[in-house]
Amino acid sequence: MVTNENKKVLYIGVTNNIQKRLSQHHFDSINSKKSFAGKYNCYYLLYYEQFDSIELAIAREKELKKWRREKKERLISSFNPTWEFLNHQVI
């Protein structure tokens, strides 16, 4: 899950290369703003999960996208209590 600088917008997505995807979101937010993440400047990582299977990852993404904001906030807080940006902590 990524957010904007003010932590007002949450974006959920799946990738097999998290650093590359964060860079793409950042580039789009500065340049074309064609994607949701780019339009709303969502490139600050707050929460992530790892899966061995793309099918499981996609199923989890779909599940999380159905959640209300409050439930997403509780999930983020359980993993990252201070809502620190984790961009430089992921490999």
PDB file of N, CA and C in Angstrom:
ATOM      1  N   MET A   1       0.851  -1.164   0.000  1.00  0.00           N
ATOM      2  CA  MET A   1       0.000   0.000   0.000  1.00  0.00           C
ATOM      3  C   MET A   1       0.894   1.222   0.000  1.00  0.00           C
ATOM      4  N   VAL A   2       0.571   2.121  -0.871  1.00  0.00           N
ATOM      5  CA  VAL A   2       1.310   3.376  -0.930  1.00  0.00           C
ATOM      6  C   VAL A   2       0.343   4.528  -0.688  1.00  0.00           C
ATOM      7  N   THR A   3       0.912   5.670  -0.372  1.00  0.00           N
ATOM      8  CA  THR A   3       0.122   6.857  -0.072  1.00  0.00           C
ATOM      9  C   THR A   3       0.818   8.084  -0.640  1.00  0.00           C
ATOM     10  N   ASN A   4       0.163   9.226  -0.475  1.00  0.00           N
ATOM     11  CA  ASN A   4       0.796  10.492  -0.858  1.00  0.00           C
ATOM     12  C   ASN A   4       1.492  11.089   0.371  1.00  0.00           C
ATOM     13  N   GLU A   5       2.140  12.207   0.193  1.00  0.00           N
ATOM     14  CA  GLU A   5       2.929  12.797   1.276  1.00  0.00           C
ATOM     15  C   GLU A   5       2.099  13.091   2.517  1.00  0.00           C
ATOM     16  N   ASN A   6       0.840  13.491   2.333  1.00  0.00           N
ATOM     17  CA  ASN A   6      -0.037  13.832   3.457  1.00  0.00           C
ATOM     18  C   ASN A   6      -0.807  12.633   4.007  1.00  0.00           C
ATOM     19  N   LYS A   7      -0.595  11.463   3.399  1.00  0.00           N
ATOM     20  CA  LYS A   7      -1.228  10.212   3.823  1.00  0.00           C
ATOM     21  C   LYS A   7      -2.748  10.268   3.727  1.00  0.00           C
ATOM     22  N   LYS A   8      -3.260  10.997   2.733  1.00  0.00           N
ATOM     23  CA  LYS A   8      -4.706  11.149   2.548  1.00  0.00           C
ATOM     24  C   LYS A   8      -5.284  10.121   1.583  1.00  0.00           C
ATOM     25  N   VAL A   9      -4.458   9.568   0.702  1.00  0.00           N
ATOM     26  CA  VAL A   9      -4.911   8.625  -0.309  1.00  0.00           C
ATOM     27  C   VAL A   9      -4.155   7.321  -0.128  1.00  0.00           C
ATOM     28  N   LEU A  10      -4.867   6.200  -0.269  1.00  0.00           N
ATOM     29  CA  LEU A  10      -4.222   4.890  -0.217  1.00  0.00           C
ATOM     30  C   LEU A  10      -4.386   4.205  -1.565  1.00  0.00           C
ATOM     31  N   TYR A  11      -3.319   3.607  -2.037  1.00  0.00           N
ATOM     32  CA  TYR A  11      -3.333   2.870  -3.299  1.00  0.00           C
ATOM     33  C   TYR A  11      -2.807   1.465  -3.035  1.00  0.00           C
ATOM     34  N   ILE A  12      -3.493   0.478  -3.573  1.00  0.00           N
ATOM     35  CA  ILE A  12      -3.100  -0.923  -3.407  1.00  0.00           C
ATOM     36  C   ILE A  12      -2.801  -1.502  -4.775  1.00  0.00           C
ATOM     37  N   GLY A  13      -1.675  -2.196  -4.886  1.00  0.00           N
ATOM     38  CA  GLY A  13      -1.318  -2.824  -6.145  1.00  0.00           C
ATOM     39  C   GLY A  13      -0.435  -4.037  -5.924  1.00  0.00           C
ATOM     40  N   VAL A  14      -0.200  -4.762  -7.015  1.00  0.00           N
ATOM     41  CA  VAL A  14       0.636  -5.963  -6.998  1.00  0.00           C
ATOM     42  C   VAL A  14       1.811  -5.744  -7.933  1.00  0.00           C
ATOM     43  N   THR A  15       2.984  -6.216  -7.534  1.00  0.00           N
ATOM     44  CA  THR A  15       4.164  -6.126  -8.382  1.00  0.00           C
ATOM     45  C   THR A  15       5.123  -7.258  -8.028  1.00  0.00           C
ATOM     46  N   ASN A  16       6.006  -7.576  -8.955  1.00  0.00           N
ATOM     47  CA  ASN A  16       7.052  -8.547  -8.646  1.00  0.00           C
ATOM     48  C   ASN A  16       8.389  -7.849  -8.399  1.00  0.00           C
ATOM     49  N   ASN A  17       8.390  -6.503  -8.452  1.00  0.00           N
ATOM     50  CA  ASN A  17       9.591  -5.718  -8.193  1.00  0.00           C
ATOM     51  C   ASN A  17       9.158  -4.404  -7.537  1.00  0.00           C
ATOM     52  N   ILE A  18       9.133  -4.401  -6.224  1.00  0.00           N
ATOM     53  CA  ILE A  18       8.552  -3.273  -5.487  1.00  0.00           C
ATOM     54  C   ILE A  18       9.335  -1.970  -5.687  1.00  0.00           C
ATOM     55  N   GLN A  19      10.664  -2.037  -5.691  1.00  0.00           N
ATOM     56  CA  GLN A  19      11.465  -0.820  -5.897  1.00  0.00           C
ATOM     57  C   GLN A  19      11.212  -0.224  -7.286  1.00  0.00           C
ATOM     58  N   LYS A  20      11.167  -1.074  -8.288  1.00  0.00           N
ATOM     59  CA  LYS A  20      10.909  -0.594  -9.650  1.00  0.00           C
ATOM     60  C   LYS A  20       9.525   0.046  -9.739  1.00  0.00           C
ATOM     61  N   ARG A  21       8.545  -0.595  -9.110  1.00  0.00           N
ATOM     62  CA  ARG A  21       7.177  -0.068  -9.170  1.00  0.00           C
ATOM     63  C   ARG A  21       7.070   1.257  -8.431  1.00  0.00           C
ATOM     64  N   LEU A  22       7.728   1.388  -7.298  1.00  0.00           N
ATOM     65  CA  LEU A  22       7.723   2.665  -6.581  1.00  0.00           C
ATOM     66  C   LEU A  22       8.352   3.760  -7.438  1.00  0.00           C
ATOM     67  N   SER A  23       9.424   3.429  -8.138  1.00  0.00           N
ATOM     68  CA  SER A  23      10.073   4.392  -9.043  1.00  0.00           C
ATOM     69  C   SER A  23       9.142   4.788 -10.169  1.00  0.00           C
ATOM     70  N   GLN A  24       8.397   3.832 -10.693  1.00  0.00           N
ATOM     71  CA  GLN A  24       7.442   4.144 -11.762  1.00  0.00           C
ATOM     72  C   GLN A  24       6.346   5.081 -11.259  1.00  0.00           C
ATOM     73  N   HIS A  25       5.823   4.817 -10.073  1.00  0.00           N
ATOM     74  CA  HIS A  25       4.802   5.694  -9.493  1.00  0.00           C
ATOM     75  C   HIS A  25       5.360   7.102  -9.284  1.00  0.00           C
ATOM     76  N   HIS A  26       6.574   7.189  -8.784  1.00  0.00           N
ATOM     77  CA  HIS A  26       7.200   8.486  -8.560  1.00  0.00           C
ATOM     78  C   HIS A  26       7.377   9.230  -9.880  1.00  0.00           C
ATOM     79  N   PHE A  27       7.902   8.550 -10.885  1.00  0.00           N
ATOM     80  CA  PHE A  27       8.107   9.149 -12.206  1.00  0.00           C
ATOM     81  C   PHE A  27       6.777   9.645 -12.773  1.00  0.00           C
ATOM     82  N   ASP A  28       5.735   8.834 -12.682  1.00  0.00           N
ATOM     83  CA  ASP A  28       4.429   9.226 -13.218  1.00  0.00           C
ATOM     84  C   ASP A  28       3.854  10.420 -12.461  1.00  0.00           C
ATOM     85  N   SER A  29       4.089  10.508 -11.175  1.00  0.00           N
ATOM     86  CA  SER A  29       3.550  11.634 -10.406  1.00  0.00           C
ATOM     87  C   SER A  29       4.227  12.947 -10.788  1.00  0.00           C
ATOM     88  N   ILE A  30       5.483  12.879 -11.202  1.00  0.00           N
ATOM     89  CA  ILE A  30       6.213  14.078 -11.600  1.00  0.00           C
ATOM     90  C   ILE A  30       5.921  14.451 -13.057  1.00  0.00           C
ATOM     91  N   ASN A  31       5.703  13.464 -13.888  1.00  0.00           N
ATOM     92  CA  ASN A  31       5.580  13.682 -15.323  1.00  0.00           C
ATOM     93  C   ASN A  31       4.143  13.595 -15.833  1.00  0.00           C
ATOM     94  N   SER A  32       3.721  12.447 -16.298  1.00  0.00           N
ATOM     95  CA  SER A  32       2.471  12.342 -17.053  1.00  0.00           C
ATOM     96  C   SER A  32       1.202  12.292 -16.223  1.00  0.00           C
ATOM     97  N   LYS A  33       1.276  11.795 -14.991  1.00  0.00           N
ATOM     98  CA  LYS A  33       0.111  11.655 -14.118  1.00  0.00           C
ATOM     99  C   LYS A  33      -1.008  10.850 -14.785  1.00  0.00           C
ATOM    100  N   LYS A  34      -0.623   9.789 -15.493  1.00  0.00           N
ATOM    101  CA  LYS A  34      -1.610   8.967 -16.198  1.00  0.00           C
ATOM    102  C   LYS A  34      -2.257   7.909 -15.313  1.00  0.00           C
ATOM    103  N   SER A  35      -1.545   7.425 -14.317  1.00  0.00           N
ATOM    104  CA  SER A  35      -2.090   6.381 -13.443  1.00  0.00           C
ATOM    105  C   SER A  35      -2.734   7.018 -12.213  1.00  0.00           C
ATOM    106  N   PHE A  36      -3.524   6.226 -11.494  1.00  0.00           N
ATOM    107  CA  PHE A  36      -4.114   6.700 -10.241  1.00  0.00           C
ATOM    108  C   PHE A  36      -3.020   7.137  -9.279  1.00  0.00           C
ATOM    109  N   ALA A  37      -2.010   6.276  -9.125  1.00  0.00           N
ATOM    110  CA  ALA A  37      -0.907   6.582  -8.202  1.00  0.00           C
ATOM    111  C   ALA A  37      -0.186   7.861  -8.620  1.00  0.00           C
ATOM    112  N   GLY A  38       0.015   8.041  -9.909  1.00  0.00           N
ATOM    113  CA  GLY A  38       0.675   9.247 -10.401  1.00  0.00           C
ATOM    114  C   GLY A  38      -0.170  10.489 -10.204  1.00  0.00           C
ATOM    115  N   LYS A  39      -1.445  10.375 -10.507  1.00  0.00           N
ATOM    116  CA  LYS A  39      -2.369  11.505 -10.378  1.00  0.00           C
ATOM    117  C   LYS A  39      -2.448  12.020  -8.944  1.00  0.00           C
ATOM    118  N   TYR A  40      -2.413  11.078  -7.984  1.00  0.00           N
ATOM    119  CA  TYR A  40      -2.541  11.448  -6.572  1.00  0.00           C
ATOM    120  C   TYR A  40      -1.216  11.406  -5.813  1.00  0.00           C
ATOM    121  N   ASN A  41      -0.105  11.327  -6.549  1.00  0.00           N
ATOM    122  CA  ASN A  41       1.247  11.348  -5.964  1.00  0.00           C
ATOM    123  C   ASN A  41       1.448  10.258  -4.911  1.00  0.00           C
ATOM    124  N   CYS A  42       0.962   9.072  -5.210  1.00  0.00           N
ATOM    125  CA  CYS A  42       1.074   7.931  -4.285  1.00  0.00           C
ATOM    126  C   CYS A  42       2.310   7.112  -4.623  1.00  0.00           C
ATOM    127  N   TYR A  43       3.384   7.400  -3.936  1.00  0.00           N
ATOM    128  CA  TYR A  43       4.593   6.602  -4.121  1.00  0.00           C
ATOM    129  C   TYR A  43       5.357   6.416  -2.815  1.00  0.00           C
ATOM    130  N   TYR A  44       4.696   6.653  -1.704  1.00  0.00           N
ATOM    131  CA  TYR A  44       5.291   6.455  -0.386  1.00  0.00           C
ATOM    132  C   TYR A  44       4.764   5.131   0.189  1.00  0.00           C
ATOM    133  N   LEU A  45       5.642   4.174   0.360  1.00  0.00           N
ATOM    134  CA  LEU A  45       5.259   2.842   0.812  1.00  0.00           C
ATOM    135  C   LEU A  45       4.979   2.827   2.310  1.00  0.00           C
ATOM    136  N   LEU A  46       3.788   2.300   2.670  1.00  0.00           N
ATOM    137  CA  LEU A  46       3.395   2.179   4.076  1.00  0.00           C
ATOM    138  C   LEU A  46       3.285   0.730   4.530  1.00  0.00           C
ATOM    139  N   TYR A  47       2.910  -0.142   3.614  1.00  0.00           N
ATOM    140  CA  TYR A  47       2.598  -1.520   3.982  1.00  0.00           C
ATOM    141  C   TYR A  47       2.855  -2.421   2.779  1.00  0.00           C
ATOM    142  N   TYR A  48       3.332  -3.630   3.056  1.00  0.00           N
ATOM    143  CA  TYR A  48       3.496  -4.601   1.977  1.00  0.00           C
ATOM    144  C   TYR A  48       3.419  -6.015   2.525  1.00  0.00           C
ATOM    145  N   GLU A  49       3.095  -6.930   1.643  1.00  0.00           N
ATOM    146  CA  GLU A  49       3.084  -8.351   1.942  1.00  0.00           C
ATOM    147  C   GLU A  49       3.816  -9.050   0.806  1.00  0.00           C
ATOM    148  N   GLN A  50       4.395 -10.208   1.099  1.00  0.00           N
ATOM    149  CA  GLN A  50       5.087 -10.985   0.080  1.00  0.00           C
ATOM    150  C   GLN A  50       4.383 -12.328  -0.098  1.00  0.00           C
ATOM    151  N   PHE A  51       4.307 -12.775  -1.340  1.00  0.00           N
ATOM    152  CA  PHE A  51       3.653 -14.039  -1.673  1.00  0.00           C
ATOM    153  C   PHE A  51       4.549 -14.844  -2.601  1.00  0.00           C
ATOM    154  N   ASP A  52       4.410 -16.154  -2.521  1.00  0.00           N
ATOM    155  CA  ASP A  52       5.148 -17.040  -3.417  1.00  0.00           C
ATOM    156  C   ASP A  52       4.429 -17.226  -4.744  1.00  0.00           C
ATOM    157  N   SER A  53       3.180 -16.863  -4.806  1.00  0.00           N
ATOM    158  CA  SER A  53       2.370 -17.078  -6.004  1.00  0.00           C
ATOM    159  C   SER A  53       1.662 -15.798  -6.409  1.00  0.00           C
ATOM    160  N   ILE A  54       1.681 -15.488  -7.695  1.00  0.00           N
ATOM    161  CA  ILE A  54       0.996 -14.295  -8.196  1.00  0.00           C
ATOM    162  C   ILE A  54      -0.507 -14.412  -7.995  1.00  0.00           C
ATOM    163  N   GLU A  55      -1.027 -15.628  -8.084  1.00  0.00           N
ATOM    164  CA  GLU A  55      -2.467 -15.830  -7.887  1.00  0.00           C
ATOM    165  C   GLU A  55      -2.892 -15.445  -6.471  1.00  0.00           C
ATOM    166  N   LEU A  56      -2.091 -15.839  -5.483  1.00  0.00           N
ATOM    167  CA  LEU A  56      -2.399 -15.473  -4.093  1.00  0.00           C
ATOM    168  C   LEU A  56      -2.269 -13.966  -3.884  1.00  0.00           C
ATOM    169  N   ALA A  57      -1.270 -13.368  -4.503  1.00  0.00           N
ATOM    170  CA  ALA A  57      -1.066 -11.920  -4.378  1.00  0.00           C
ATOM    171  C   ALA A  57      -2.249 -11.150  -4.963  1.00  0.00           C
ATOM    172  N   ILE A  58      -2.710 -11.573  -6.113  1.00  0.00           N
ATOM    173  CA  ILE A  58      -3.843 -10.901  -6.754  1.00  0.00           C
ATOM    174  C   ILE A  58      -5.118 -11.083  -5.938  1.00  0.00           C
ATOM    175  N   ALA A  59      -5.311 -12.266  -5.392  1.00  0.00           N
ATOM    176  CA  ALA A  59      -6.482 -12.516  -4.548  1.00  0.00           C
ATOM    177  C   ALA A  59      -6.454 -11.605  -3.322  1.00  0.00           C
ATOM    178  N   ARG A  60      -5.288 -11.447  -2.710  1.00  0.00           N
ATOM    179  CA  ARG A  60      -5.155 -10.581  -1.538  1.00  0.00           C
ATOM    180  C   ARG A  60      -5.385  -9.118  -1.911  1.00  0.00           C
ATOM    181  N   GLU A  61      -4.854  -8.698  -3.053  1.00  0.00           N
ATOM    182  CA  GLU A  61      -5.070  -7.329  -3.525  1.00  0.00           C
ATOM    183  C   GLU A  61      -6.568  -7.051  -3.664  1.00  0.00           C
ATOM    184  N   LYS A  62      -7.284  -7.964  -4.291  1.00  0.00           N
ATOM    185  CA  LYS A  62      -8.726  -7.791  -4.482  1.00  0.00           C
ATOM    186  C   LYS A  62      -9.449  -7.725  -3.143  1.00  0.00           C
ATOM    187  N   GLU A  63      -9.016  -8.548  -2.188  1.00  0.00           N
ATOM    188  CA  GLU A  63      -9.615  -8.536  -0.852  1.00  0.00           C
ATOM    189  C   GLU A  63      -9.404  -7.180  -0.180  1.00  0.00           C
ATOM    190  N   LEU A  64      -8.167  -6.697  -0.185  1.00  0.00           N
ATOM    191  CA  LEU A  64      -7.847  -5.425   0.478  1.00  0.00           C
ATOM    192  C   LEU A  64      -8.569  -4.247  -0.172  1.00  0.00           C
ATOM    193  N   LYS A  65      -8.713  -4.276  -1.475  1.00  0.00           N
ATOM    194  CA  LYS A  65      -9.370  -3.164  -2.177  1.00  0.00           C
ATOM    195  C   LYS A  65     -10.839  -3.031  -1.792  1.00  0.00           C
ATOM    196  N   LYS A  66     -11.440  -4.104  -1.314  1.00  0.00           N
ATOM    197  CA  LYS A  66     -12.847  -4.074  -0.897  1.00  0.00           C
ATOM    198  C   LYS A  66     -13.026  -3.503   0.508  1.00  0.00           C
ATOM    199  N   TRP A  67     -11.959  -3.428   1.271  1.00  0.00           N
ATOM    200  CA  TRP A  67     -12.034  -2.965   2.651  1.00  0.00           C
ATOM    201  C   TRP A  67     -12.320  -1.473   2.726  1.00  0.00           C
ATOM    202  N   ARG A  68     -12.974  -1.087   3.799  1.00  0.00           N
ATOM    203  CA  ARG A  68     -13.153   0.340   4.100  1.00  0.00           C
ATOM    204  C   ARG A  68     -11.807   0.923   4.551  1.00  0.00           C
ATOM    205  N   ARG A  69     -11.692   2.212   4.453  1.00  0.00           N
ATOM    206  CA  ARG A  69     -10.448   2.899   4.820  1.00  0.00           C
ATOM    207  C   ARG A  69     -10.027   2.567   6.247  1.00  0.00           C
ATOM    208  N   GLU A  70     -10.979   2.546   7.185  1.00  0.00           N
ATOM    209  CA  GLU A  70     -10.630   2.295   8.598  1.00  0.00           C
ATOM    210  C   GLU A  70      -9.938   0.953   8.780  1.00  0.00           C
ATOM    211  N   LYS A  71     -10.417  -0.046   8.091  1.00  0.00           N
ATOM    212  CA  LYS A  71      -9.828  -1.377   8.209  1.00  0.00           C
ATOM    213  C   LYS A  71      -8.425  -1.393   7.605  1.00  0.00           C
ATOM    214  N   LYS A  72      -8.232  -0.696   6.503  1.00  0.00           N
ATOM    215  CA  LYS A  72      -6.908  -0.588   5.888  1.00  0.00           C
ATOM    216  C   LYS A  72      -5.956   0.140   6.842  1.00  0.00           C
ATOM    217  N   GLU A  73      -6.453   1.180   7.495  1.00  0.00           N
ATOM    218  CA  GLU A  73      -5.623   1.930   8.440  1.00  0.00           C
ATOM    219  C   GLU A  73      -5.191   1.043   9.607  1.00  0.00           C
ATOM    220  N   ARG A  74      -6.083   0.204  10.099  1.00  0.00           N
ATOM    221  CA  ARG A  74      -5.730  -0.708  11.194  1.00  0.00           C
ATOM    222  C   ARG A  74      -4.663  -1.706  10.751  1.00  0.00           C
ATOM    223  N   LEU A  75      -4.780  -2.211   9.527  1.00  0.00           N
ATOM    224  CA  LEU A  75      -3.790  -3.136   8.993  1.00  0.00           C
ATOM    225  C   LEU A  75      -2.427  -2.457   8.888  1.00  0.00           C
ATOM    226  N   ILE A  76      -2.404  -1.259   8.335  1.00  0.00           N
ATOM    227  CA  ILE A  76      -1.144  -0.512   8.217  1.00  0.00           C
ATOM    228  C   ILE A  76      -0.548  -0.283   9.604  1.00  0.00           C
ATOM    229  N   SER A  77      -1.361   0.159  10.543  1.00  0.00           N
ATOM    230  CA  SER A  77      -0.877   0.460  11.896  1.00  0.00           C
ATOM    231  C   SER A  77      -0.352  -0.773  12.616  1.00  0.00           C
ATOM    232  N   SER A  78      -0.910  -1.941  12.334  1.00  0.00           N
ATOM    233  CA  SER A  78      -0.421  -3.157  12.980  1.00  0.00           C
ATOM    234  C   SER A  78       0.962  -3.548  12.448  1.00  0.00           C
ATOM    235  N   PHE A  79       1.254  -3.179  11.237  1.00  0.00           N
ATOM    236  CA  PHE A  79       2.525  -3.488  10.572  1.00  0.00           C
ATOM    237  C   PHE A  79       3.537  -2.352  10.729  1.00  0.00           C
ATOM    238  N   ASN A  80       3.026  -1.131  10.711  1.00  0.00           N
ATOM    239  CA  ASN A  80       3.851   0.074  10.677  1.00  0.00           C
ATOM    240  C   ASN A  80       3.175   1.126  11.567  1.00  0.00           C
ATOM    241  N   PRO A  81       3.292   0.990  12.896  1.00  0.00           N
ATOM    242  CA  PRO A  81       2.535   1.837  13.836  1.00  0.00           C
ATOM    243  C   PRO A  81       2.706   3.344  13.651  1.00  0.00           C
ATOM    244  N   THR A  82       3.864   3.775  13.204  1.00  0.00           N
ATOM    245  CA  THR A  82       4.091   5.216  13.051  1.00  0.00           C
ATOM    246  C   THR A  82       3.830   5.714  11.626  1.00  0.00           C
ATOM    247  N   TRP A  83       3.391   4.819  10.758  1.00  0.00           N
ATOM    248  CA  TRP A  83       3.130   5.152   9.355  1.00  0.00           C
ATOM    249  C   TRP A  83       4.364   5.780   8.697  1.00  0.00           C
ATOM    250  N   GLU A  84       5.509   5.230   9.047  1.00  0.00           N
ATOM    251  CA  GLU A  84       6.779   5.666   8.460  1.00  0.00           C
ATOM    252  C   GLU A  84       6.818   5.212   6.989  1.00  0.00           C
ATOM    253  N   PHE A  85       7.389   6.049   6.134  1.00  0.00           N
ATOM    254  CA  PHE A  85       7.558   5.668   4.731  1.00  0.00           C
ATOM    255  C   PHE A  85       8.652   4.621   4.640  1.00  0.00           C
ATOM    256  N   LEU A  86       8.361   3.491   4.031  1.00  0.00           N
ATOM    257  CA  LEU A  86       9.243   2.319   4.018  1.00  0.00           C
ATOM    258  C   LEU A  86      10.010   2.149   2.703  1.00  0.00           C
ATOM    259  N   ASN A  87       9.989   3.135   1.847  1.00  0.00           N
ATOM    260  CA  ASN A  87      10.585   3.005   0.510  1.00  0.00           C
ATOM    261  C   ASN A  87      12.023   2.502   0.531  1.00  0.00           C
ATOM    262  N   HIS A  88      12.810   2.962   1.486  1.00  0.00           N
ATOM    263  CA  HIS A  88      14.221   2.594   1.509  1.00  0.00           C
ATOM    264  C   HIS A  88      14.491   1.330   2.321  1.00  0.00           C
ATOM    265  N   GLN A  89      13.450   0.730   2.844  1.00  0.00           N
ATOM    266  CA  GLN A  89      13.634  -0.470   3.655  1.00  0.00           C
ATOM    267  C   GLN A  89      13.350  -1.755   2.886  1.00  0.00           C
ATOM    268  N   VAL A  90      12.771  -1.631   1.705  1.00  0.00           N
ATOM    269  CA  VAL A  90      12.455  -2.839   0.922  1.00  0.00           C
ATOM    270  C   VAL A  90      13.557  -3.125  -0.075  1.00  0.00           C
ATOM    271  N   ILE A  91      13.759  -4.418  -0.321  1.00  0.00           N
ATOM    272  CA  ILE A  91      14.818  -4.832  -1.264  1.00  0.00           C
ATOM    273  C   ILE A  91      14.227  -4.991  -2.641  1.00  0.00           C
TER     274      ILE A  91
END
